[in-house]
mmCIF file of all heavy atoms, coordinates in Angstrom:
data_MODEL
# 
_entry.id   MODEL 
# 
loop_
_atom_site.group_PDB 
_atom_site.id 
_atom_site.type_symbol 
_atom_site.label_atom_id 
_atom_site.label_alt_id 
_atom_site.label_comp_id 
_atom_site.label_asym_id 
_atom_site.label_entity_id 
_atom_site.label_seq_id 
_atom_site.pdbx_PDB_ins_code 
_atom_site.Cartn_x 
_atom_site.Cartn_y 
_atom_site.Cartn_z 
_atom_site.occupancy 
_atom_site.B_iso_or_equiv 
_atom_site.pdbx_formal_charge 
_atom_site.auth_seq_id 
_atom_site.auth_comp_id 
_atom_site.auth_asym_id 
_atom_site.auth_atom_id 
_atom_site.pdbx_PDB_model_num 
ATOM 1   N N   . SER A 1 1  ? 3.338   -10.893 -1.198  1.00 0.00 ? 1  SER A N   1 
ATOM 2   C CA  . SER A 1 1  ? 2.778   -9.712  -1.850  1.00 0.00 ? 1  SER A CA  1 
ATOM 3   C C   . SER A 1 1  ? 3.270   -9.538  -3.258  1.00 0.00 ? 1  SER A C   1 
ATOM 4   O O   . SER A 1 1  ? 2.863   -8.626  -3.953  1.00 0.00 ? 1  SER A O   1 
ATOM 5   C CB  . SER A 1 1  ? 3.113   -8.463  -1.027  1.00 0.00 ? 1  SER A CB  1 
ATOM 6   O OG  . SER A 1 1  ? 4.503   -8.224  -1.074  1.00 0.00 ? 1  SER A OG  1 
ATOM 7   N N   . GLY A 1 2  ? 4.195   -10.376 -3.670  1.00 0.00 ? 2  GLY A N   1 
ATOM 8   C CA  . GLY A 1 2  ? 4.712   -10.253 -5.022  1.00 0.00 ? 2  GLY A CA  1 
ATOM 9   C C   . GLY A 1 2  ? 5.745   -9.189  -5.163  1.00 0.00 ? 2  GLY A C   1 
ATOM 10  O O   . GLY A 1 2  ? 6.094   -8.804  -6.273  1.00 0.00 ? 2  GLY A O   1 
ATOM 11  N N   . ALA A 1 3  ? 6.291   -8.636  -4.069  1.00 0.00 ? 3  ALA A N   1 
ATOM 12  C CA  . ALA A 1 3  ? 7.286   -7.572  -4.140  1.00 0.00 ? 3  ALA A CA  1 
ATOM 13  C C   . ALA A 1 3  ? 8.626   -8.147  -3.793  1.00 0.00 ? 3  ALA A C   1 
ATOM 14  O O   . ALA A 1 3  ? 9.171   -7.925  -2.739  1.00 0.00 ? 3  ALA A O   1 
ATOM 15  C CB  . ALA A 1 3  ? 6.924   -6.433  -3.198  1.00 0.00 ? 3  ALA A CB  1 
ATOM 16  N N   . GLY A 1 4  ? 9.207   -8.921  -4.648  1.00 0.00 ? 4  GLY A N   1 
ATOM 17  C CA  . GLY A 1 4  ? 10.499  -9.527  -4.380  1.00 0.00 ? 4  GLY A CA  1 
ATOM 18  C C   . GLY A 1 4  ? 11.618  -8.563  -4.560  1.00 0.00 ? 4  GLY A C   1 
ATOM 19  O O   . GLY A 1 4  ? 11.432  -7.415  -4.934  1.00 0.00 ? 4  GLY A O   1 
ATOM 20  N N   . GLU A 1 5  ? 12.854  -9.051  -4.305  1.00 0.00 ? 5  GLU A N   1 
ATOM 21  C CA  . GLU A 1 5  ? 14.017  -8.182  -4.423  1.00 0.00 ? 5  GLU A CA  1 
ATOM 22  C C   . GLU A 1 5  ? 14.186  -7.652  -5.839  1.00 0.00 ? 5  GLU A C   1 
ATOM 23  O O   . GLU A 1 5  ? 14.705  -6.585  -6.046  1.00 0.00 ? 5  GLU A O   1 
ATOM 24  C CB  . GLU A 1 5  ? 15.270  -8.965  -4.008  1.00 0.00 ? 5  GLU A CB  1 
ATOM 25  C CG  . GLU A 1 5  ? 15.340  -9.335  -2.542  1.00 0.00 ? 5  GLU A CG  1 
ATOM 26  C CD  . GLU A 1 5  ? 15.486  -8.131  -1.660  1.00 0.00 ? 5  GLU A CD  1 
ATOM 27  O OE1 . GLU A 1 5  ? 16.077  -7.134  -2.120  1.00 0.00 ? 5  GLU A OE1 1 
ATOM 28  O OE2 . GLU A 1 5  ? 15.016  -8.174  -0.522  1.00 0.00 ? 5  GLU A OE2 1 
ATOM 29  N N   . GLY A 1 6  ? 13.723  -8.414  -6.793  1.00 0.00 ? 6  GLY A N   1 
ATOM 30  C CA  . GLY A 1 6  ? 13.911  -7.963  -8.175  1.00 0.00 ? 6  GLY A CA  1 
ATOM 31  C C   . GLY A 1 6  ? 12.736  -7.190  -8.712  1.00 0.00 ? 6  GLY A C   1 
ATOM 32  O O   . GLY A 1 6  ? 12.650  -6.918  -9.905  1.00 0.00 ? 6  GLY A O   1 
ATOM 33  N N   . GLY A 1 7  ? 11.773  -6.825  -7.831  1.00 0.00 ? 7  GLY A N   1 
ATOM 34  C CA  . GLY A 1 7  ? 10.582  -6.120  -8.285  1.00 0.00 ? 7  GLY A CA  1 
ATOM 35  C C   . GLY A 1 7  ? 10.916  -4.771  -8.882  1.00 0.00 ? 7  GLY A C   1 
ATOM 36  O O   . GLY A 1 7  ? 11.905  -4.148  -8.567  1.00 0.00 ? 7  GLY A O   1 
ATOM 37  N N   . SER A 1 8  ? 10.043  -4.291  -9.731  1.00 0.00 ? 8  SER A N   1 
ATOM 38  C CA  . SER A 1 8  ? 10.256  -3.006  -10.403 1.00 0.00 ? 8  SER A CA  1 
ATOM 39  C C   . SER A 1 8  ? 9.634   -1.891  -9.600  1.00 0.00 ? 8  SER A C   1 
ATOM 40  O O   . SER A 1 8  ? 8.515   -2.012  -9.097  1.00 0.00 ? 8  SER A O   1 
ATOM 41  C CB  . SER A 1 8  ? 9.639   -3.043  -11.808 1.00 0.00 ? 8  SER A CB  1 
ATOM 42  O OG  . SER A 1 8  ? 9.629   -1.756  -12.368 1.00 0.00 ? 8  SER A OG  1 
ATOM 43  N N   . ALA A 1 9  ? 10.371  -0.782  -9.472  1.00 0.00 ? 9  ALA A N   1 
ATOM 44  C CA  . ALA A 1 9  ? 9.839   0.367   -8.717  1.00 0.00 ? 9  ALA A CA  1 
ATOM 45  C C   . ALA A 1 9  ? 8.642   0.967   -9.401  1.00 0.00 ? 9  ALA A C   1 
ATOM 46  O O   . ALA A 1 9  ? 7.811   1.611   -8.770  1.00 0.00 ? 9  ALA A O   1 
ATOM 47  C CB  . ALA A 1 9  ? 10.934  1.416   -8.556  1.00 0.00 ? 9  ALA A CB  1 
ATOM 48  N N   . ALA A 1 10 ? 8.526   0.792   -10.694 1.00 0.00 ? 10 ALA A N   1 
ATOM 49  C CA  . ALA A 1 10 ? 7.434   1.413   -11.438 1.00 0.00 ? 10 ALA A CA  1 
ATOM 50  C C   . ALA A 1 10 ? 6.186   0.552   -11.462 1.00 0.00 ? 10 ALA A C   1 
ATOM 51  O O   . ALA A 1 10 ? 5.146   0.992   -11.928 1.00 0.00 ? 10 ALA A O   1 
ATOM 52  C CB  . ALA A 1 10 ? 7.896   1.711   -12.867 1.00 0.00 ? 10 ALA A CB  1 
ATOM 53  N N   . SER A 1 11 ? 6.289   -0.748  -11.027 1.00 0.00 ? 11 SER A N   1 
ATOM 54  C CA  . SER A 1 11 ? 5.119   -1.620  -11.081 1.00 0.00 ? 11 SER A CA  1 
ATOM 55  C C   . SER A 1 11 ? 4.097   -1.179  -10.046 1.00 0.00 ? 11 SER A C   1 
ATOM 56  O O   . SER A 1 11 ? 4.420   -0.586  -9.039  1.00 0.00 ? 11 SER A O   1 
ATOM 57  C CB  . SER A 1 11 ? 5.539   -3.068  -10.842 1.00 0.00 ? 11 SER A CB  1 
ATOM 58  O OG  . SER A 1 11 ? 6.148   -3.203  -9.570  1.00 0.00 ? 11 SER A OG  1 
ATOM 59  N N   . ALA A 1 12 ? 2.838   -1.518  -10.291 1.00 0.00 ? 12 ALA A N   1 
ATOM 60  C CA  . ALA A 1 12 ? 1.760   -1.050  -9.424  1.00 0.00 ? 12 ALA A CA  1 
ATOM 61  C C   . ALA A 1 12 ? 1.814   -1.752  -8.078  1.00 0.00 ? 12 ALA A C   1 
ATOM 62  O O   . ALA A 1 12 ? 1.876   -2.982  -8.026  1.00 0.00 ? 12 ALA A O   1 
ATOM 63  C CB  . ALA A 1 12 ? 0.417   -1.306  -10.094 1.00 0.00 ? 12 ALA A CB  1 
ATOM 64  N N   . PRO A 1 13 ? 1.806   -1.022  -6.952  1.00 0.00 ? 13 PRO A N   1 
ATOM 65  C CA  . PRO A 1 13 ? 1.830   -1.663  -5.636  1.00 0.00 ? 13 PRO A CA  1 
ATOM 66  C C   . PRO A 1 13 ? 0.475   -2.266  -5.309  1.00 0.00 ? 13 PRO A C   1 
ATOM 67  O O   . PRO A 1 13 ? -0.548  -1.878  -5.881  1.00 0.00 ? 13 PRO A O   1 
ATOM 68  C CB  . PRO A 1 13 ? 2.151   -0.503  -4.698  1.00 0.00 ? 13 PRO A CB  1 
ATOM 69  C CG  . PRO A 1 13 ? 1.619   0.695   -5.406  1.00 0.00 ? 13 PRO A CG  1 
ATOM 70  C CD  . PRO A 1 13 ? 1.824   0.434   -6.872  1.00 0.00 ? 13 PRO A CD  1 
ATOM 71  N N   . LYS A 1 14 ? 0.472   -3.185  -4.357  1.00 0.00 ? 14 LYS A N   1 
ATOM 72  C CA  . LYS A 1 14 ? -0.793  -3.785  -3.957  1.00 0.00 ? 14 LYS A CA  1 
ATOM 73  C C   . LYS A 1 14 ? -1.587  -2.778  -3.130  1.00 0.00 ? 14 LYS A C   1 
ATOM 74  O O   . LYS A 1 14 ? -1.038  -1.809  -2.599  1.00 0.00 ? 14 LYS A O   1 
ATOM 75  C CB  . LYS A 1 14 ? -0.541  -5.055  -3.159  1.00 0.00 ? 14 LYS A CB  1 
ATOM 76  C CG  . LYS A 1 14 ? -0.009  -4.806  -1.748  1.00 0.00 ? 14 LYS A CG  1 
ATOM 77  C CD  . LYS A 1 14 ? 0.054   -6.094  -0.953  1.00 0.00 ? 14 LYS A CD  1 
ATOM 78  C CE  . LYS A 1 14 ? 0.450   -5.825  0.497   1.00 0.00 ? 14 LYS A CE  1 
ATOM 79  N NZ  . LYS A 1 14 ? 0.485   -7.070  1.302   1.00 0.00 ? 14 LYS A NZ  1 
ATOM 80  N N   . PRO A 1 15 ? -2.903  -2.974  -3.029  1.00 0.00 ? 15 PRO A N   1 
ATOM 81  C CA  . PRO A 1 15 ? -3.729  -2.034  -2.256  1.00 0.00 ? 15 PRO A CA  1 
ATOM 82  C C   . PRO A 1 15 ? -3.261  -1.951  -0.803  1.00 0.00 ? 15 PRO A C   1 
ATOM 83  O O   . PRO A 1 15 ? -2.697  -2.898  -0.265  1.00 0.00 ? 15 PRO A O   1 
ATOM 84  C CB  . PRO A 1 15 ? -5.135  -2.656  -2.359  1.00 0.00 ? 15 PRO A CB  1 
ATOM 85  C CG  . PRO A 1 15 ? -5.096  -3.502  -3.580  1.00 0.00 ? 15 PRO A CG  1 
ATOM 86  C CD  . PRO A 1 15 ? -3.696  -4.028  -3.670  1.00 0.00 ? 15 PRO A CD  1 
ATOM 87  N N   . LEU A 1 16 ? -3.509  -0.800  -0.171  1.00 0.00 ? 16 LEU A N   1 
ATOM 88  C CA  . LEU A 1 16 ? -3.152  -0.616  1.226   1.00 0.00 ? 16 LEU A CA  1 
ATOM 89  C C   . LEU A 1 16 ? -4.013  -1.512  2.099   1.00 0.00 ? 16 LEU A C   1 
ATOM 90  O O   . LEU A 1 16 ? -5.116  -1.903  1.722   1.00 0.00 ? 16 LEU A O   1 
ATOM 91  C CB  . LEU A 1 16 ? -3.344  0.853   1.636   1.00 0.00 ? 16 LEU A CB  1 
ATOM 92  C CG  . LEU A 1 16 ? -2.624  1.907   0.797   1.00 0.00 ? 16 LEU A CG  1 
ATOM 93  C CD1 . LEU A 1 16 ? -2.926  3.296   1.345   1.00 0.00 ? 16 LEU A CD1 1 
ATOM 94  C CD2 . LEU A 1 16 ? -1.130  1.658   0.770   1.00 0.00 ? 16 LEU A CD2 1 
ATOM 95  N N   . SER A 1 17 ? -3.514  -1.819  3.284   1.00 0.00 ? 17 SER A N   1 
ATOM 96  C CA  . SER A 1 17 ? -4.276  -2.662  4.200   1.00 0.00 ? 17 SER A CA  1 
ATOM 97  C C   . SER A 1 17 ? -5.515  -1.925  4.686   1.00 0.00 ? 17 SER A C   1 
ATOM 98  O O   . SER A 1 17 ? -5.559  -0.692  4.728   1.00 0.00 ? 17 SER A O   1 
ATOM 99  C CB  . SER A 1 17 ? -3.407  -3.050  5.400   1.00 0.00 ? 17 SER A CB  1 
ATOM 100 O OG  . SER A 1 17 ? -3.144  -1.917  6.204   1.00 0.00 ? 17 SER A OG  1 
ATOM 101 N N   . GLN A 1 18 ? -6.530  -2.715  5.052   1.00 0.00 ? 18 GLN A N   1 
ATOM 102 C CA  . GLN A 1 18 ? -7.794  -2.150  5.527   1.00 0.00 ? 18 GLN A CA  1 
ATOM 103 C C   . GLN A 1 18 ? -7.567  -1.227  6.729   1.00 0.00 ? 18 GLN A C   1 
ATOM 104 O O   . GLN A 1 18 ? -8.080  -0.110  6.791   1.00 0.00 ? 18 GLN A O   1 
ATOM 105 C CB  . GLN A 1 18 ? -8.737  -3.292  5.918   1.00 0.00 ? 18 GLN A CB  1 
ATOM 106 C CG  . GLN A 1 18 ? -9.988  -2.850  6.685   1.00 0.00 ? 18 GLN A CG  1 
ATOM 107 C CD  . GLN A 1 18 ? -11.112 -2.456  5.765   1.00 0.00 ? 18 GLN A CD  1 
ATOM 108 O OE1 . GLN A 1 18 ? -11.088 -2.809  4.598   1.00 0.00 ? 18 GLN A OE1 1 
ATOM 109 N NE2 . GLN A 1 18 ? -12.072 -1.724  6.284   1.00 0.00 ? 18 GLN A NE2 1 
ATOM 110 N N   . LYS A 1 19 ? -6.769  -1.686  7.704   1.00 0.00 ? 19 LYS A N   1 
ATOM 111 C CA  . LYS A 1 19 ? -6.540  -0.897  8.917   1.00 0.00 ? 19 LYS A CA  1 
ATOM 112 C C   . LYS A 1 19 ? -5.814  0.395   8.606   1.00 0.00 ? 19 LYS A C   1 
ATOM 113 O O   . LYS A 1 19 ? -6.167  1.468   9.109   1.00 0.00 ? 19 LYS A O   1 
ATOM 114 C CB  . LYS A 1 19 ? -5.741  -1.716  9.927   1.00 0.00 ? 19 LYS A CB  1 
ATOM 115 C CG  . LYS A 1 19 ? -5.510  -0.994  11.257  1.00 0.00 ? 19 LYS A CG  1 
ATOM 116 C CD  . LYS A 1 19 ? -4.751  -1.866  12.233  1.00 0.00 ? 19 LYS A CD  1 
ATOM 117 C CE  . LYS A 1 19 ? -4.519  -1.127  13.555  1.00 0.00 ? 19 LYS A CE  1 
ATOM 118 N NZ  . LYS A 1 19 ? -3.740  -1.937  14.519  1.00 0.00 ? 19 LYS A NZ  1 
ATOM 119 N N   . LEU A 1 20 ? -4.790  0.334   7.742   1.00 0.00 ? 20 LEU A N   1 
ATOM 120 C CA  . LEU A 1 20 ? -4.044  1.544   7.408   1.00 0.00 ? 20 LEU A CA  1 
ATOM 121 C C   . LEU A 1 20 ? -4.921  2.539   6.677   1.00 0.00 ? 20 LEU A C   1 
ATOM 122 O O   . LEU A 1 20 ? -4.880  3.745   6.947   1.00 0.00 ? 20 LEU A O   1 
ATOM 123 C CB  . LEU A 1 20 ? -2.823  1.183   6.547   1.00 0.00 ? 20 LEU A CB  1 
ATOM 124 C CG  . LEU A 1 20 ? -1.990  2.373   6.038   1.00 0.00 ? 20 LEU A CG  1 
ATOM 125 C CD1 . LEU A 1 20 ? -1.481  3.209   7.209   1.00 0.00 ? 20 LEU A CD1 1 
ATOM 126 C CD2 . LEU A 1 20 ? -0.832  1.888   5.187   1.00 0.00 ? 20 LEU A CD2 1 
ATOM 127 N N   . VAL A 1 21 ? -5.748  2.054   5.764   1.00 0.00 ? 21 VAL A N   1 
ATOM 128 C CA  . VAL A 1 21 ? -6.631  2.943   5.012   1.00 0.00 ? 21 VAL A CA  1 
ATOM 129 C C   . VAL A 1 21 ? -7.577  3.674   5.961   1.00 0.00 ? 21 VAL A C   1 
ATOM 130 O O   . VAL A 1 21 ? -7.790  4.883   5.849   1.00 0.00 ? 21 VAL A O   1 
ATOM 131 C CB  . VAL A 1 21 ? -7.423  2.146   3.960   1.00 0.00 ? 21 VAL A CB  1 
ATOM 132 C CG1 . VAL A 1 21 ? -8.600  2.957   3.441   1.00 0.00 ? 21 VAL A CG1 1 
ATOM 133 C CG2 . VAL A 1 21 ? -6.512  1.779   2.797   1.00 0.00 ? 21 VAL A CG2 1 
ATOM 134 N N   . GLU A 1 22 ? -8.135  2.935   6.926   1.00 0.00 ? 22 GLU A N   1 
ATOM 135 C CA  . GLU A 1 22 ? -9.065  3.564   7.858   1.00 0.00 ? 22 GLU A CA  1 
ATOM 136 C C   . GLU A 1 22 ? -8.354  4.592   8.738   1.00 0.00 ? 22 GLU A C   1 
ATOM 137 O O   . GLU A 1 22 ? -8.902  5.666   9.023   1.00 0.00 ? 22 GLU A O   1 
ATOM 138 C CB  . GLU A 1 22 ? -9.735  2.496   8.717   1.00 0.00 ? 22 GLU A CB  1 
ATOM 139 C CG  . GLU A 1 22 ? -10.710 1.633   7.939   1.00 0.00 ? 22 GLU A CG  1 
ATOM 140 C CD  . GLU A 1 22 ? -11.394 0.586   8.804   1.00 0.00 ? 22 GLU A CD  1 
ATOM 141 O OE1 . GLU A 1 22 ? -10.957 0.404   9.962   1.00 0.00 ? 22 GLU A OE1 1 
ATOM 142 O OE2 . GLU A 1 22 ? -12.341 -0.029  8.320   1.00 0.00 ? 22 GLU A OE2 1 
ATOM 143 N N   . GLU A 1 23 ? -7.119  4.291   9.154   1.00 0.00 ? 23 GLU A N   1 
ATOM 144 C CA  . GLU A 1 23 ? -6.376  5.243   9.977   1.00 0.00 ? 23 GLU A CA  1 
ATOM 145 C C   . GLU A 1 23 ? -6.019  6.490   9.184   1.00 0.00 ? 23 GLU A C   1 
ATOM 146 O O   . GLU A 1 23 ? -6.113  7.618   9.691   1.00 0.00 ? 23 GLU A O   1 
ATOM 147 C CB  . GLU A 1 23 ? -5.119  4.591   10.528  1.00 0.00 ? 23 GLU A CB  1 
ATOM 148 C CG  . GLU A 1 23 ? -5.385  3.564   11.607  1.00 0.00 ? 23 GLU A CG  1 
ATOM 149 C CD  . GLU A 1 23 ? -4.118  3.080   12.290  1.00 0.00 ? 23 GLU A CD  1 
ATOM 150 O OE1 . GLU A 1 23 ? -3.043  3.675   12.052  1.00 0.00 ? 23 GLU A OE1 1 
ATOM 151 O OE2 . GLU A 1 23 ? -4.204  2.134   13.059  1.00 0.00 ? 23 GLU A OE2 1 
ATOM 152 N N   . LEU A 1 24 ? -5.594  6.306   7.936   1.00 0.00 ? 24 LEU A N   1 
ATOM 153 C CA  . LEU A 1 24 ? -5.264  7.468   7.103   1.00 0.00 ? 24 LEU A CA  1 
ATOM 154 C C   . LEU A 1 24 ? -6.508  8.316   6.859   1.00 0.00 ? 24 LEU A C   1 
ATOM 155 O O   . LEU A 1 24 ? -6.439  9.556   6.862   1.00 0.00 ? 24 LEU A O   1 
ATOM 156 C CB  . LEU A 1 24 ? -4.664  7.012   5.770   1.00 0.00 ? 24 LEU A CB  1 
ATOM 157 C CG  . LEU A 1 24 ? -3.309  6.295   5.836   1.00 0.00 ? 24 LEU A CG  1 
ATOM 158 C CD1 . LEU A 1 24 ? -2.867  5.878   4.447   1.00 0.00 ? 24 LEU A CD1 1 
ATOM 159 C CD2 . LEU A 1 24 ? -2.251  7.172   6.487   1.00 0.00 ? 24 LEU A CD2 1 
ATOM 160 N N   . ALA A 1 25 ? -7.656  7.654   6.651   1.00 0.00 ? 25 ALA A N   1 
ATOM 161 C CA  . ALA A 1 25 ? -8.896  8.390   6.417   1.00 0.00 ? 25 ALA A CA  1 
ATOM 162 C C   . ALA A 1 25 ? -9.277  9.222   7.634   1.00 0.00 ? 25 ALA A C   1 
ATOM 163 O O   . ALA A 1 25 ? -9.714  10.370  7.517   1.00 0.00 ? 25 ALA A O   1 
ATOM 164 C CB  . ALA A 1 25 ? -10.024 7.415   6.067   1.00 0.00 ? 25 ALA A CB  1 
ATOM 165 N N   . VAL A 1 26 ? -9.083  8.645   8.837   1.00 0.00 ? 26 VAL A N   1 
ATOM 166 C CA  . VAL A 1 26 ? -9.411  9.373   10.067  1.00 0.00 ? 26 VAL A CA  1 
ATOM 167 C C   . VAL A 1 26 ? -8.482  10.569  10.241  1.00 0.00 ? 26 VAL A C   1 
ATOM 168 O O   . VAL A 1 26 ? -8.911  11.678  10.598  1.00 0.00 ? 26 VAL A O   1 
ATOM 169 C CB  . VAL A 1 26 ? -9.317  8.432   11.284  1.00 0.00 ? 26 VAL A CB  1 
ATOM 170 C CG1 . VAL A 1 26 ? -9.373  9.226   12.577  1.00 0.00 ? 26 VAL A CG1 1 
ATOM 171 C CG2 . VAL A 1 26 ? -10.444 7.414   11.248  1.00 0.00 ? 26 VAL A CG2 1 
ATOM 172 N N   . GLN A 1 27 ? -7.188  10.375  9.987   1.00 0.00 ? 27 GLN A N   1 
ATOM 173 C CA  . GLN A 1 27 ? -6.229  11.474  10.147  1.00 0.00 ? 27 GLN A CA  1 
ATOM 174 C C   . GLN A 1 27 ? -6.483  12.568  9.109   1.00 0.00 ? 27 GLN A C   1 
ATOM 175 O O   . GLN A 1 27 ? -6.338  13.761  9.393   1.00 0.00 ? 27 GLN A O   1 
ATOM 176 C CB  . GLN A 1 27 ? -4.805  10.930  10.037  1.00 0.00 ? 27 GLN A CB  1 
ATOM 177 C CG  . GLN A 1 27 ? -4.459  9.986   11.186  1.00 0.00 ? 27 GLN A CG  1 
ATOM 178 C CD  . GLN A 1 27 ? -3.110  9.333   11.035  1.00 0.00 ? 27 GLN A CD  1 
ATOM 179 O OE1 . GLN A 1 27 ? -2.084  9.936   11.322  1.00 0.00 ? 27 GLN A OE1 1 
ATOM 180 N NE2 . GLN A 1 27 ? -3.101  8.092   10.556  1.00 0.00 ? 27 GLN A NE2 1 
ATOM 181 N N   . ARG A 1 28 ? -6.866  12.161  7.905   1.00 0.00 ? 28 ARG A N   1 
ATOM 182 C CA  . ARG A 1 28 ? -7.217  13.149  6.882   1.00 0.00 ? 28 ARG A CA  1 
ATOM 183 C C   . ARG A 1 28 ? -8.444  13.942  7.310   1.00 0.00 ? 28 ARG A C   1 
ATOM 184 O O   . ARG A 1 28 ? -8.540  15.150  7.123   1.00 0.00 ? 28 ARG A O   1 
ATOM 185 C CB  . ARG A 1 28 ? -7.481  12.412  5.564   1.00 0.00 ? 28 ARG A CB  1 
ATOM 186 C CG  . ARG A 1 28 ? -7.924  13.291  4.401   1.00 0.00 ? 28 ARG A CG  1 
ATOM 187 C CD  . ARG A 1 28 ? -8.077  12.401  3.166   1.00 0.00 ? 28 ARG A CD  1 
ATOM 188 N NE  . ARG A 1 28 ? -8.523  13.153  2.011   1.00 0.00 ? 28 ARG A NE  1 
ATOM 189 C CZ  . ARG A 1 28 ? -9.793  13.346  1.684   1.00 0.00 ? 28 ARG A CZ  1 
ATOM 190 N NH1 . ARG A 1 28 ? -10.749 12.853  2.468   1.00 0.00 ? 28 ARG A NH1 1 
ATOM 191 N NH2 . ARG A 1 28 ? -10.118 14.021  0.604   1.00 0.00 ? 28 ARG A NH2 1 
ATOM 192 N N   . ARG A 1 29 ? -9.428  13.211  7.919   1.00 0.00 ? 29 ARG A N   1 
ATOM 193 C CA  . ARG A 1 29 ? -10.606 13.885  8.445   1.00 0.00 ? 29 ARG A CA  1 
ATOM 194 C C   . ARG A 1 29 ? -10.233 14.909  9.513   1.00 0.00 ? 29 ARG A C   1 
ATOM 195 O O   . ARG A 1 29 ? -10.779 16.019  9.567   1.00 0.00 ? 29 ARG A O   1 
ATOM 196 C CB  . ARG A 1 29 ? -11.554 12.832  9.030   1.00 0.00 ? 29 ARG A CB  1 
ATOM 197 C CG  . ARG A 1 29 ? -12.932 13.332  9.494   1.00 0.00 ? 29 ARG A CG  1 
ATOM 198 C CD  . ARG A 1 29 ? -12.955 13.949  10.883  1.00 0.00 ? 29 ARG A CD  1 
ATOM 199 N NE  . ARG A 1 29 ? -12.389 13.102  11.900  1.00 0.00 ? 29 ARG A NE  1 
ATOM 200 C CZ  . ARG A 1 29 ? -13.087 12.217  12.603  1.00 0.00 ? 29 ARG A CZ  1 
ATOM 201 N NH1 . ARG A 1 29 ? -14.368 12.047  12.394  1.00 0.00 ? 29 ARG A NH1 1 
ATOM 202 N NH2 . ARG A 1 29 ? -12.472 11.505  13.543  1.00 0.00 ? 29 ARG A NH2 1 
# 
């Protein structure tokens, strides 16, 4: 994912997984 130990906290994270996004959307609903 490109998030190594030396990664920067301010750098942009990768997109959320498809399954997690759908679960969050359902819970928000």
